[in-house]
Amino acid sequence: MPLEQLHETLQRLRRRRGLTQAELGERVGHSARQVARWETGAAHLMSALAFARLADVLATDAAEWDALVTALQRLSDGQGGA
């Protein structure tokens, strides 16, 4: 099974936390629309600060942090496919 892409990982972790896109956006300083764009793969760029804020809210253990970093690396290496 291939590794999840960043947008799928973000959506999965957000849902696991029981957050709406608006709630997550508020916590990381972005709009619900921007969160939706990240989750659908429509946004092809993300600042390091935005990624760090997302990881801080969504990653509660080392495995989840690794999943986010791996997905980000795949995306930056051109393997994201979106």
Protein backbone atom coordinates (compact mmCIF):
# COMPACT_ATOMS: atom_id res chain seq x y z
CA MET A 1 0.00 0.00 0.00
CA PRO A 2 1.48 3.39 -0.96
CA LEU A 3 2.15 6.02 1.67
CA GLU A 4 -0.58 8.57 2.13
CA GLN A 5 -0.17 11.93 0.53
CA LEU A 6 0.07 14.99 2.72
CA HIS A 7 -3.51 16.10 2.10
CA GLU A 8 -4.91 12.70 3.08
CA THR A 9 -2.78 12.63 6.21
CA LEU A 10 -3.94 16.09 7.26
CA GLN A 11 -7.59 15.17 6.77
CA ARG A 12 -7.25 11.87 8.62
CA LEU A 13 -5.53 13.48 11.62
CA ARG A 14 -7.99 16.39 11.73
CA ARG A 15 -10.92 14.00 11.78
CA ARG A 16 -9.24 11.86 14.43
CA ARG A 17 -9.02 14.98 16.64
CA GLY A 18 -12.72 15.67 16.03
CA LEU A 19 -12.01 19.08 14.53
CA THR A 20 -13.84 20.81 11.72
CA GLN A 21 -11.85 22.56 9.03
CA ALA A 22 -12.89 25.89 10.60
CA GLU A 23 -11.70 24.81 14.05
CA LEU A 24 -8.37 23.62 12.72
CA GLY A 25 -7.96 26.79 10.70
CA GLU A 26 -8.62 28.91 13.76
CA ARG A 27 -6.02 26.99 15.77
CA VAL A 28 -3.33 27.40 13.12
CA GLY A 29 -4.17 30.93 11.99
CA HIS A 30 -5.69 30.12 8.60
CA SER A 31 -9.17 30.05 7.13
CA ALA A 32 -11.36 26.97 6.81
CA ARG A 33 -11.06 27.47 3.05
CA GLN A 34 -7.27 27.17 3.25
CA VAL A 35 -7.54 24.02 5.35
CA ALA A 36 -9.92 22.59 2.74
CA ARG A 37 -7.42 23.43 0.00
CA TRP A 38 -4.65 21.65 1.90
CA GLU A 39 -6.86 18.62 2.46
CA THR A 40 -7.92 18.29 -1.17
CA GLY A 41 -4.45 18.88 -2.55
CA ALA A 42 -5.61 22.10 -4.26
CA ALA A 43 -2.97 24.11 -2.40
CA HIS A 44 0.42 23.12 -3.73
CA LEU A 45 2.44 25.29 -1.36
CA MET A 46 2.57 25.42 2.42
CA SER A 47 4.90 27.53 4.50
CA ALA A 48 7.16 25.89 7.06
CA LEU A 49 5.35 27.88 9.75
CA ALA A 50 1.94 26.60 8.62
CA PHE A 51 3.25 23.03 8.56
CA ALA A 52 4.72 23.42 12.04
CA ARG A 53 1.45 24.80 13.40
CA LEU A 54 -0.54 21.98 11.79
CA ALA A 55 1.84 19.37 13.18
CA ASP A 56 1.63 20.95 16.64
CA VAL A 57 -2.17 20.67 16.63
CA LEU A 58 -2.55 17.35 14.82
CA ALA A 59 0.43 15.17 15.74
CA THR A 60 0.05 13.81 19.25
CA ASP A 61 2.76 11.16 19.04
CA ALA A 62 5.96 10.35 17.17
CA ALA A 63 4.20 8.07 14.66
CA GLU A 64 1.81 10.84 13.60
CA TRP A 65 4.68 13.34 13.37
CA ASP A 66 6.60 10.88 11.18
CA ALA A 67 3.54 10.37 8.96
CA LEU A 68 3.25 14.13 8.39
CA VAL A 69 6.96 14.60 7.71
CA THR A 70 7.08 11.61 5.37
CA ALA A 71 4.06 12.88 3.44
CA LEU A 72 5.60 16.36 3.20
CA GLN A 73 8.89 14.91 1.96
CA ARG A 74 7.10 12.87 -0.71
CA LEU A 75 5.25 15.97 -1.83
CA SER A 76 8.43 18.05 -2.04
CA ASP A 77 10.21 15.24 -3.89
CA GLY A 78 7.51 15.33 -6.55
CA GLN A 79 5.94 12.03 -5.53
CA GLY A 80 2.70 13.56 -4.23
CA GLY A 81 0.78 12.83 -7.39
CA ALA A 82 -1.79 15.58 -6.79
